[in-house]
Amino acid sequence: SVLSWRFEVESPGGTVGEILTIRLQRKFVAMKGEVAEAWPDGRCNAMLAYDVPNCKAIFGCLFNLVQISVTILGTFVMTACFQPAFGAALFHPKWRGDAA
């Protein structure tokens, strides 16, 4: 049903690391044949123990970088829109190299 699928996709109250761990565990259990042979128990456990926290840390840093970038860009655009002197100075021919 849609509800059970939704619960499998989104774990209520789960953090990014917990959701990633659950999804990886499901993938590991569903492996068959040559793929399962290429992923022994130790390799799966190592991935869950070391790679998931690293992935979570990288995701957190990337999220912070995007948040700061959008804040700076938004501040710049809002200042340019609502402060005519700022916009006029920004696009002044002297700054663009058009002035002789």
PDB file of N, CA and C in Angstrom:
ATOM      1  N   SER A   1       0.836  -1.187   0.000  1.00  0.00           N
ATOM      2  CA  SER A   1       0.000   0.000   0.000  1.00  0.00           C
ATOM      3  C   SER A   1       0.877   1.245   0.000  1.00  0.00           C
ATOM      4  N   VAL A   2       0.255   2.368  -0.239  1.00  0.00           N
ATOM      5  CA  VAL A   2       0.978   3.629  -0.301  1.00  0.00           C
ATOM      6  C   VAL A   2       1.552   3.981   1.073  1.00  0.00           C
ATOM      7  N   LEU A   3       0.808   3.692   2.123  1.00  0.00           N
ATOM      8  CA  LEU A   3       1.263   4.030   3.465  1.00  0.00           C
ATOM      9  C   LEU A   3       2.519   3.242   3.845  1.00  0.00           C
ATOM     10  N   SER A   4       2.540   1.954   3.560  1.00  0.00           N
ATOM     11  CA  SER A   4       3.727   1.167   3.897  1.00  0.00           C
ATOM     12  C   SER A   4       4.920   1.591   3.050  1.00  0.00           C
ATOM     13  N   TRP A   5       4.684   1.930   1.780  1.00  0.00           N
ATOM     14  CA  TRP A   5       5.774   2.412   0.936  1.00  0.00           C
ATOM     15  C   TRP A   5       6.312   3.724   1.484  1.00  0.00           C
ATOM     16  N   ARG A   6       5.409   4.612   1.897  1.00  0.00           N
ATOM     17  CA  ARG A   6       5.815   5.913   2.436  1.00  0.00           C
ATOM     18  C   ARG A   6       6.654   5.728   3.696  1.00  0.00           C
ATOM     19  N   PHE A   7       6.273   4.772   4.541  1.00  0.00           N
ATOM     20  CA  PHE A   7       7.038   4.528   5.757  1.00  0.00           C
ATOM     21  C   PHE A   7       8.416   3.968   5.429  1.00  0.00           C
ATOM     22  N   GLU A   8       8.509   3.142   4.377  1.00  0.00           N
ATOM     23  CA  GLU A   8       9.808   2.607   3.979  1.00  0.00           C
ATOM     24  C   GLU A   8      10.715   3.694   3.415  1.00  0.00           C
ATOM     25  N   VAL A   9      10.134   4.674   2.740  1.00  0.00           N
ATOM     26  CA  VAL A   9      10.921   5.746   2.147  1.00  0.00           C
ATOM     27  C   VAL A   9      11.338   6.770   3.189  1.00  0.00           C
ATOM     28  N   GLU A  10      10.419   7.140   4.065  1.00  0.00           N
ATOM     29  CA  GLU A  10      10.695   8.152   5.083  1.00  0.00           C
ATOM     30  C   GLU A  10      10.472   7.566   6.464  1.00  0.00           C
ATOM     31  N   SER A  11      11.522   7.525   7.239  1.00  0.00           N
ATOM     32  CA  SER A  11      11.415   7.028   8.604  1.00  0.00           C
ATOM     33  C   SER A  11      11.056   8.193   9.514  1.00  0.00           C
ATOM     34  N   PRO A  12       9.894   8.146  10.162  1.00  0.00           N
ATOM     35  CA  PRO A  12       9.507   9.286  11.005  1.00  0.00           C
ATOM     36  C   PRO A  12      10.467   9.454  12.183  1.00  0.00           C
ATOM     37  N   GLY A  13      10.947  10.663  12.351  1.00  0.00           N
ATOM     38  CA  GLY A  13      11.850  10.957  13.453  1.00  0.00           C
ATOM     39  C   GLY A  13      13.266  10.481  13.226  1.00  0.00           C
ATOM     40  N   GLY A  14      13.540   9.927  12.054  1.00  0.00           N
ATOM     41  CA  GLY A  14      14.877   9.423  11.782  1.00  0.00           C
ATOM     42  C   GLY A  14      15.801  10.511  11.279  1.00  0.00           C
ATOM     43  N   THR A  15      17.049  10.422  11.697  1.00  0.00           N
ATOM     44  CA  THR A  15      18.036  11.367  11.201  1.00  0.00           C
ATOM     45  C   THR A  15      18.559  10.887   9.847  1.00  0.00           C
ATOM     46  N   VAL A  16      19.357  11.705   9.216  1.00  0.00           N
ATOM     47  CA  VAL A  16      19.910  11.351   7.914  1.00  0.00           C
ATOM     48  C   VAL A  16      20.735  10.072   8.016  1.00  0.00           C
ATOM     49  N   GLY A  17      21.541   9.958   9.044  1.00  0.00           N
ATOM     50  CA  GLY A  17      22.370   8.773   9.221  1.00  0.00           C
ATOM     51  C   GLY A  17      21.556   7.513   9.453  1.00  0.00           C
ATOM     52  N   GLU A  18      20.500   7.618  10.256  1.00  0.00           N
ATOM     53  CA  GLU A  18      19.649   6.454  10.533  1.00  0.00           C
ATOM     54  C   GLU A  18      18.915   5.994   9.277  1.00  0.00           C
ATOM     55  N   ILE A  19      18.389   6.943   8.523  1.00  0.00           N
ATOM     56  CA  ILE A  19      17.665   6.588   7.299  1.00  0.00           C
ATOM     57  C   ILE A  19      18.616   5.947   6.293  1.00  0.00           C
ATOM     58  N   LEU A  20      19.816   6.497   6.135  1.00  0.00           N
ATOM     59  CA  LEU A  20      20.798   5.921   5.220  1.00  0.00           C
ATOM     60  C   LEU A  20      21.197   4.523   5.676  1.00  0.00           C
ATOM     61  N   THR A  21      21.384   4.334   6.973  1.00  0.00           N
ATOM     62  CA  THR A  21      21.737   3.021   7.505  1.00  0.00           C
ATOM     63  C   THR A  21      20.641   2.005   7.223  1.00  0.00           C
ATOM     64  N   ILE A  22      19.397   2.372   7.450  1.00  0.00           N
ATOM     65  CA  ILE A  22      18.272   1.463   7.203  1.00  0.00           C
ATOM     66  C   ILE A  22      18.187   1.094   5.725  1.00  0.00           C
ATOM     67  N   ARG A  23      18.324   2.075   4.859  1.00  0.00           N
ATOM     68  CA  ARG A  23      18.249   1.795   3.420  1.00  0.00           C
ATOM     69  C   ARG A  23      19.391   0.882   2.969  1.00  0.00           C
ATOM     70  N   LEU A  24      20.597   1.123   3.482  1.00  0.00           N
ATOM     71  CA  LEU A  24      21.726   0.267   3.123  1.00  0.00           C
ATOM     72  C   LEU A  24      21.529  -1.160   3.647  1.00  0.00           C
ATOM     73  N   GLN A  25      21.015  -1.291   4.870  1.00  0.00           N
ATOM     74  CA  GLN A  25      20.764  -2.624   5.410  1.00  0.00           C
ATOM     75  C   GLN A  25      19.768  -3.382   4.541  1.00  0.00           C
ATOM     76  N   ARG A  26      18.747  -2.717   4.066  1.00  0.00           N
ATOM     77  CA  ARG A  26      17.775  -3.369   3.182  1.00  0.00           C
ATOM     78  C   ARG A  26      18.419  -3.797   1.868  1.00  0.00           C
ATOM     79  N   LYS A  27      19.297  -2.954   1.329  1.00  0.00           N
ATOM     80  CA  LYS A  27      19.997  -3.309   0.095  1.00  0.00           C
ATOM     81  C   LYS A  27      20.924  -4.505   0.320  1.00  0.00           C
ATOM     82  N   PHE A  28      21.628  -4.519   1.452  1.00  0.00           N
ATOM     83  CA  PHE A  28      22.538  -5.620   1.740  1.00  0.00           C
ATOM     84  C   PHE A  28      21.788  -6.942   1.885  1.00  0.00           C
ATOM     85  N   VAL A  29      20.659  -6.929   2.555  1.00  0.00           N
ATOM     86  CA  VAL A  29      19.869  -8.147   2.751  1.00  0.00           C
ATOM     87  C   VAL A  29      19.291  -8.642   1.429  1.00  0.00           C
ATOM     88  N   ALA A  30      18.956  -7.732   0.521  1.00  0.00           N
ATOM     89  CA  ALA A  30      18.335  -8.112  -0.747  1.00  0.00           C
ATOM     90  C   ALA A  30      19.348  -8.584  -1.795  1.00  0.00           C
ATOM     91  N   MET A  31      20.639  -8.495  -1.516  1.00  0.00           N
ATOM     92  CA  MET A  31      21.646  -8.895  -2.498  1.00  0.00           C
ATOM     93  C   MET A  31      21.618 -10.401  -2.736  1.00  0.00           C
ATOM     94  N   LYS A  32      21.796 -10.777  -3.980  1.00  0.00           N
ATOM     95  CA  LYS A  32      21.806 -12.193  -4.369  1.00  0.00           C
ATOM     96  C   LYS A  32      22.972 -12.456  -5.320  1.00  0.00           C
ATOM     97  N   GLY A  33      23.417 -13.692  -5.373  1.00  0.00           N
ATOM     98  CA  GLY A  33      24.398 -14.136  -6.359  1.00  0.00           C
ATOM     99  C   GLY A  33      25.766 -13.500  -6.224  1.00  0.00           C
ATOM    100  N   GLU A  34      26.302 -13.077  -7.364  1.00  0.00           N
ATOM    101  CA  GLU A  34      27.651 -12.527  -7.410  1.00  0.00           C
ATOM    102  C   GLU A  34      27.782 -11.231  -6.609  1.00  0.00           C
ATOM    103  N   VAL A  35      26.730 -10.453  -6.603  1.00  0.00           N
ATOM    104  CA  VAL A  35      26.767  -9.196  -5.847  1.00  0.00           C
ATOM    105  C   VAL A  35      26.904  -9.492  -4.359  1.00  0.00           C
ATOM    106  N   ALA A  36      26.171 -10.488  -3.870  1.00  0.00           N
ATOM    107  CA  ALA A  36      26.268 -10.856  -2.454  1.00  0.00           C
ATOM    108  C   ALA A  36      27.656 -11.396  -2.112  1.00  0.00           C
ATOM    109  N   GLU A  37      28.269 -12.118  -3.049  1.00  0.00           N
ATOM    110  CA  GLU A  37      29.622 -12.628  -2.810  1.00  0.00           C
ATOM    111  C   GLU A  37      30.641 -11.494  -2.763  1.00  0.00           C
ATOM    112  N   ALA A  38      30.408 -10.440  -3.541  1.00  0.00           N
ATOM    113  CA  ALA A  38      31.323  -9.296  -3.554  1.00  0.00           C
ATOM    114  C   ALA A  38      31.179  -8.437  -2.299  1.00  0.00           C
ATOM    115  N   TRP A  39      30.065  -8.582  -1.590  1.00  0.00           N
ATOM    116  CA  TRP A  39      29.820  -7.814  -0.380  1.00  0.00           C
ATOM    117  C   TRP A  39      29.669  -8.752   0.822  1.00  0.00           C
ATOM    118  N   PRO A  40      30.782  -9.249   1.381  1.00  0.00           N
ATOM    119  CA  PRO A  40      30.683 -10.103   2.574  1.00  0.00           C
ATOM    120  C   PRO A  40      30.255  -9.281   3.797  1.00  0.00           C
ATOM    121  N   ASP A  41      29.959  -9.999   4.875  1.00  0.00           N
ATOM    122  CA  ASP A  41      29.440  -9.340   6.085  1.00  0.00           C
ATOM    123  C   ASP A  41      30.357  -8.236   6.606  1.00  0.00           C
ATOM    124  N   GLY A  42      31.660  -8.504   6.617  1.00  0.00           N
ATOM    125  CA  GLY A  42      32.605  -7.515   7.142  1.00  0.00           C
ATOM    126  C   GLY A  42      32.620  -6.228   6.337  1.00  0.00           C
ATOM    127  N   ARG A  43      32.511  -6.368   5.028  1.00  0.00           N
ATOM    128  CA  ARG A  43      32.502  -5.179   4.161  1.00  0.00           C
ATOM    129  C   ARG A  43      31.247  -4.347   4.405  1.00  0.00           C
ATOM    130  N   CYS A  44      30.114  -5.024   4.553  1.00  0.00           N
ATOM    131  CA  CYS A  44      28.851  -4.313   4.822  1.00  0.00           C
ATOM    132  C   CYS A  44      28.908  -3.594   6.170  1.00  0.00           C
ATOM    133  N   ASN A  45      29.423  -4.296   7.187  1.00  0.00           N
ATOM    134  CA  ASN A  45      29.527  -3.680   8.508  1.00  0.00           C
ATOM    135  C   ASN A  45      30.487  -2.492   8.508  1.00  0.00           C
ATOM    136  N   ALA A  46      31.595  -2.632   7.794  1.00  0.00           N
ATOM    137  CA  ALA A  46      32.552  -1.524   7.709  1.00  0.00           C
ATOM    138  C   ALA A  46      31.923  -0.313   7.031  1.00  0.00           C
ATOM    139  N   MET A  47      31.134  -0.561   5.988  1.00  0.00           N
ATOM    140  CA  MET A  47      30.472   0.549   5.310  1.00  0.00           C
ATOM    141  C   MET A  47      29.496   1.254   6.246  1.00  0.00           C
ATOM    142  N   LEU A  48      28.737   0.470   7.002  1.00  0.00           N
ATOM    143  CA  LEU A  48      27.780   1.075   7.935  1.00  0.00           C
ATOM    144  C   LEU A  48      28.483   1.800   9.075  1.00  0.00           C
ATOM    145  N   ALA A  49      29.625   1.289   9.509  1.00  0.00           N
ATOM    146  CA  ALA A  49      30.323   1.880  10.654  1.00  0.00           C
ATOM    147  C   ALA A  49      31.158   3.105  10.283  1.00  0.00           C
ATOM    148  N   TYR A  50      31.745   3.116   9.080  1.00  0.00           N
ATOM    149  CA  TYR A  50      32.666   4.195   8.736  1.00  0.00           C
ATOM    150  C   TYR A  50      32.131   5.143   7.661  1.00  0.00           C
ATOM    151  N   ASP A  51      31.529   4.603   6.634  1.00  0.00           N
ATOM    152  CA  ASP A  51      31.120   5.444   5.513  1.00  0.00           C
ATOM    153  C   ASP A  51      29.861   6.253   5.786  1.00  0.00           C
ATOM    154  N   VAL A  52      28.914   5.691   6.542  1.00  0.00           N
ATOM    155  CA  VAL A  52      27.676   6.426   6.830  1.00  0.00           C
ATOM    156  C   VAL A  52      27.962   7.683   7.655  1.00  0.00           C
ATOM    157  N   PRO A  53      28.743   7.610   8.738  1.00  0.00           N
ATOM    158  CA  PRO A  53      29.054   8.860   9.469  1.00  0.00           C
ATOM    159  C   PRO A  53      29.812   9.886   8.619  1.00  0.00           C
ATOM    160  N   ASN A  54      30.731   9.400   7.767  1.00  0.00           N
ATOM    161  CA  ASN A  54      31.457  10.328   6.894  1.00  0.00           C
ATOM    162  C   ASN A  54      30.521  10.986   5.892  1.00  0.00           C
ATOM    163  N   CYS A  55      29.622  10.210   5.330  1.00  0.00           N
ATOM    164  CA  CYS A  55      28.644  10.754   4.379  1.00  0.00           C
ATOM    165  C   CYS A  55      27.742  11.782   5.071  1.00  0.00           C
ATOM    166  N   LYS A  56      27.352  11.480   6.294  1.00  0.00           N
ATOM    167  CA  LYS A  56      26.508  12.409   7.061  1.00  0.00           C
ATOM    168  C   LYS A  56      27.255  13.717   7.328  1.00  0.00           C
ATOM    169  N   ALA A  57      28.540  13.629   7.657  1.00  0.00           N
ATOM    170  CA  ALA A  57      29.337  14.836   7.914  1.00  0.00           C
ATOM    171  C   ALA A  57      29.497  15.671   6.645  1.00  0.00           C
ATOM    172  N   ILE A  58      29.749  15.008   5.518  1.00  0.00           N
ATOM    173  CA  ILE A  58      29.893  15.729   4.247  1.00  0.00           C
ATOM    174  C   ILE A  58      28.581  16.393   3.863  1.00  0.00           C
ATOM    175  N   PHE A  59      27.467  15.678   4.047  1.00  0.00           N
ATOM    176  CA  PHE A  59      26.155  16.247   3.743  1.00  0.00           C
ATOM    177  C   PHE A  59      25.886  17.475   4.612  1.00  0.00           C
ATOM    178  N   GLY A  60      26.243  17.401   5.892  1.00  0.00           N
ATOM    179  CA  GLY A  60      26.050  18.538   6.788  1.00  0.00           C
ATOM    180  C   GLY A  60      26.875  19.741   6.375  1.00  0.00           C
ATOM    181  N   CYS A  61      28.125  19.514   5.990  1.00  0.00           N
ATOM    182  CA  CYS A  61      28.980  20.618   5.532  1.00  0.00           C
ATOM    183  C   CYS A  61      28.455  21.221   4.231  1.00  0.00           C
ATOM    184  N   LEU A  62      28.028  20.373   3.321  1.00  0.00           N
ATOM    185  CA  LEU A  62      27.482  20.862   2.055  1.00  0.00           C
ATOM    186  C   LEU A  62      26.208  21.673   2.287  1.00  0.00           C
ATOM    187  N   PHE A  63      25.355  21.194   3.181  1.00  0.00           N
ATOM    188  CA  PHE A  63      24.135  21.925   3.505  1.00  0.00           C
ATOM    189  C   PHE A  63      24.459  23.299   4.085  1.00  0.00           C
ATOM    190  N   ASN A  64      25.431  23.358   4.984  1.00  0.00           N
ATOM    191  CA  ASN A  64      25.832  24.653   5.568  1.00  0.00           C
ATOM    192  C   ASN A  64      26.397  25.585   4.505  1.00  0.00           C
ATOM    193  N   LEU A  65      27.184  25.055   3.589  1.00  0.00           N
ATOM    194  CA  LEU A  65      27.759  25.866   2.515  1.00  0.00           C
ATOM    195  C   LEU A  65      26.662  26.451   1.624  1.00  0.00           C
ATOM    196  N   VAL A  66      25.696  25.633   1.264  1.00  0.00           N
ATOM    197  CA  VAL A  66      24.593  26.112   0.432  1.00  0.00           C
ATOM    198  C   VAL A  66      23.773  27.153   1.190  1.00  0.00           C
ATOM    199  N   GLN A  67      23.523  26.917   2.457  1.00  0.00           N
ATOM    200  CA  GLN A  67      22.745  27.859   3.260  1.00  0.00           C
ATOM    201  C   GLN A  67      23.447  29.219   3.349  1.00  0.00           C
ATOM    202  N   ILE A  68      24.732  29.227   3.590  1.00  0.00           N
ATOM    203  CA  ILE A  68      25.479  30.486   3.681  1.00  0.00           C
ATOM    204  C   ILE A  68      25.516  31.180   2.323  1.00  0.00           C
ATOM    205  N   SER A  69      25.715  30.419   1.252  1.00  0.00           N
ATOM    206  CA  SER A  69      25.765  31.008  -0.090  1.00  0.00           C
ATOM    207  C   SER A  69      24.446  31.659  -0.471  1.00  0.00           C
ATOM    208  N   VAL A  70      23.345  30.984  -0.181  1.00  0.00           N
ATOM    209  CA  VAL A  70      22.031  31.543  -0.498  1.00  0.00           C
ATOM    210  C   VAL A  70      21.755  32.779   0.344  1.00  0.00           C
ATOM    211  N   THR A  71      22.183  32.774   1.590  1.00  0.00           N
ATOM    212  CA  THR A  71      21.999  33.946   2.447  1.00  0.00           C
ATOM    213  C   THR A  71      22.764  35.149   1.906  1.00  0.00           C
ATOM    214  N   ILE A  72      24.015  34.946   1.517  1.00  0.00           N
ATOM    215  CA  ILE A  72      24.820  36.042   0.970  1.00  0.00           C
ATOM    216  C   ILE A  72      24.226  36.540  -0.341  1.00  0.00           C
ATOM    217  N   LEU A  73      23.861  35.624  -1.232  1.00  0.00           N
ATOM    218  CA  LEU A  73      23.276  36.016  -2.511  1.00  0.00           C
ATOM    219  C   LEU A  73      21.946  36.749  -2.317  1.00  0.00           C
ATOM    220  N   GLY A  74      21.111  36.247  -1.419  1.00  0.00           N
ATOM    221  CA  GLY A  74      19.832  36.905  -1.143  1.00  0.00           C
ATOM    222  C   GLY A  74      20.015  38.301  -0.578  1.00  0.00           C
ATOM    223  N   THR A  75      20.968  38.462   0.321  1.00  0.00           N
ATOM    224  CA  THR A  75      21.249  39.784   0.888  1.00  0.00           C
ATOM    225  C   THR A  75      21.730  40.735  -0.200  1.00  0.00           C
ATOM    226  N   PHE A  76      22.585  40.263  -1.069  1.00  0.00           N
ATOM    227  CA  PHE A  76      23.105  41.086  -2.163  1.00  0.00           C
ATOM    228  C   PHE A  76      21.973  41.515  -3.096  1.00  0.00           C
ATOM    229  N   VAL A  77      21.104  40.579  -3.478  1.00  0.00           N
ATOM    230  CA  VAL A  77      20.007  40.898  -4.398  1.00  0.00           C
ATOM    231  C   VAL A  77      19.012  41.850  -3.745  1.00  0.00           C
ATOM    232  N   MET A  78      18.658  41.599  -2.505  1.00  0.00           N
ATOM    233  CA  MET A  78      17.703  42.471  -1.818  1.00  0.00           C
ATOM    234  C   MET A  78      18.269  43.881  -1.652  1.00  0.00           C
ATOM    235  N   THR A  79      19.557  43.973  -1.351  1.00  0.00           N
ATOM    236  CA  THR A  79      20.168  45.297  -1.222  1.00  0.00           C
ATOM    237  C   THR A  79      20.171  46.012  -2.569  1.00  0.00           C
ATOM    238  N   ALA A  80      20.477  45.304  -3.634  1.00  0.00           N
ATOM    239  CA  ALA A  80      20.497  45.911  -4.960  1.00  0.00           C
ATOM    240  C   ALA A  80      19.104  46.355  -5.400  1.00  0.00           C
ATOM    241  N   CYS A  81      18.073  45.596  -5.006  1.00  0.00           N
ATOM    242  CA  CYS A  81      16.705  45.937  -5.412  1.00  0.00           C
ATOM    243  C   CYS A  81      16.132  47.110  -4.630  1.00  0.00           C
ATOM    244  N   PHE A  82      16.403  47.161  -3.335  1.00  0.00           N
ATOM    245  CA  PHE A  82      15.739  48.149  -2.490  1.00  0.00           C
ATOM    246  C   PHE A  82      16.600  49.350  -2.124  1.00  0.00           C
ATOM    247  N   GLN A  83      17.830  49.378  -2.559  1.00  0.00           N
ATOM    248  CA  GLN A  83      18.686  50.538  -2.333  1.00  0.00           C
ATOM    249  C   GLN A  83      19.132  51.053  -3.699  1.00  0.00           C
ATOM    250  N   PRO A  84      18.444  52.031  -4.263  1.00  0.00           N
ATOM    251  CA  PRO A  84      18.773  52.506  -5.609  1.00  0.00           C
ATOM    252  C   PRO A  84      20.223  52.967  -5.751  1.00  0.00           C
ATOM    253  N   ALA A  85      20.765  53.575  -4.717  1.00  0.00           N
ATOM    254  CA  ALA A  85      22.144  54.055  -4.804  1.00  0.00           C
ATOM    255  C   ALA A  85      23.117  52.878  -4.956  1.00  0.00           C
ATOM    256  N   PHE A  86      22.828  51.783  -4.286  1.00  0.00           N
ATOM    257  CA  PHE A  86      23.686  50.602  -4.385  1.00  0.00           C
ATOM    258  C   PHE A  86      23.632  50.030  -5.797  1.00  0.00           C
ATOM    259  N   GLY A  87      22.423  49.904  -6.341  1.00  0.00           N
ATOM    260  CA  GLY A  87      22.269  49.378  -7.695  1.00  0.00           C
ATOM    261  C   GLY A  87      22.900  50.297  -8.726  1.00  0.00           C
ATOM    262  N   ALA A  88      22.745  51.604  -8.552  1.00  0.00           N
ATOM    263  CA  ALA A  88      23.330  52.556  -9.496  1.00  0.00           C
ATOM    264  C   ALA A  88      24.853  52.500  -9.436  1.00  0.00           C
ATOM    265  N   ALA A  89      25.401  52.376  -8.242  1.00  0.00           N
ATOM    266  CA  ALA A  89      26.857  52.294  -8.104  1.00  0.00           C
ATOM    267  C   ALA A  89      27.384  50.970  -8.659  1.00  0.00           C
ATOM    268  N   LEU A  90      26.604  49.919  -8.471  1.00  0.00           N
ATOM    269  CA  LEU A  90      27.028  48.598  -8.929  1.00  0.00           C
ATOM    270  C   LEU A  90      27.110  48.522 -10.447  1.00  0.00           C
ATOM    271  N   PHE A  91      26.147  49.150 -11.105  1.00  0.00           N
ATOM    272  CA  PHE A  91      26.098  49.075 -12.562  1.00  0.00           C
ATOM    273  C   PHE A  91      26.562  50.378 -13.227  1.00  0.00           C
ATOM    274  N   HIS A  92      27.315  51.158 -12.522  1.00  0.00           N
ATOM    275  CA  HIS A  92      27.845  52.414 -13.053  1.00  0.00           C
ATOM    276  C   HIS A  92      28.837  52.100 -14.171  1.00  0.00           C
ATOM    277  N   PRO A  93      28.832  52.916 -15.249  1.00  0.00           N
ATOM    278  CA  PRO A  93      29.741  52.642 -16.382  1.00  0.00           C
ATOM    279  C   PRO A  93      31.222  52.607 -15.975  1.00  0.00           C
ATOM    280  N   LYS A  94      31.574  53.335 -14.940  1.00  0.00           N
ATOM    281  CA  LYS A  94      32.971  53.357 -14.491  1.00  0.00           C
ATOM    282  C   LYS A  94      33.400  51.962 -14.037  1.00  0.00           C
ATOM    283  N   TRP A  95      32.521  51.251 -13.373  1.00  0.00           N
ATOM    284  CA  TRP A  95      32.847  49.918 -12.853  1.00  0.00           C
ATOM    285  C   TRP A  95      32.847  48.861 -13.962  1.00  0.00           C
ATOM    286  N   ARG A  96      32.050  49.058 -14.988  1.00  0.00           N
ATOM    287  CA  ARG A  96      31.982  48.096 -16.089  1.00  0.00           C
ATOM    288  C   ARG A  96      33.105  48.305 -17.102  1.00  0.00           C
ATOM    289  N   GLY A  97      33.797  49.406 -17.023  1.00  0.00           N
ATOM    290  CA  GLY A  97      34.875  49.696 -17.969  1.00  0.00           C
ATOM    291  C   GLY A  97      34.389  50.419 -19.220  1.00  0.00           C
ATOM    292  N   ASP A  98      33.129  50.928 -19.183  1.00  0.00           N
ATOM    293  CA  ASP A  98      32.578  51.639 -20.337  1.00  0.00           C
ATOM    294  C   ASP A  98      33.008  53.105 -20.392  1.00  0.00           C
ATOM    295  N   ALA A  99      33.435  53.637 -19.245  1.00  0.00           N
ATOM    296  CA  ALA A  99      33.776  55.067 -19.207  1.00  0.00           C
ATOM    297  C   ALA A  99      35.103  55.286 -19.946  1.00  0.00           C
ATOM    298  N   ALA A 100      35.142  56.419 -20.607  1.00  0.00           N
ATOM    299  CA  ALA A 100      36.344  56.734 -21.382  1.00  0.00           C
ATOM    300  C   ALA A 100      37.358  57.470 -20.532  1.00  0.00           C
TER     301      ALA A 100
END
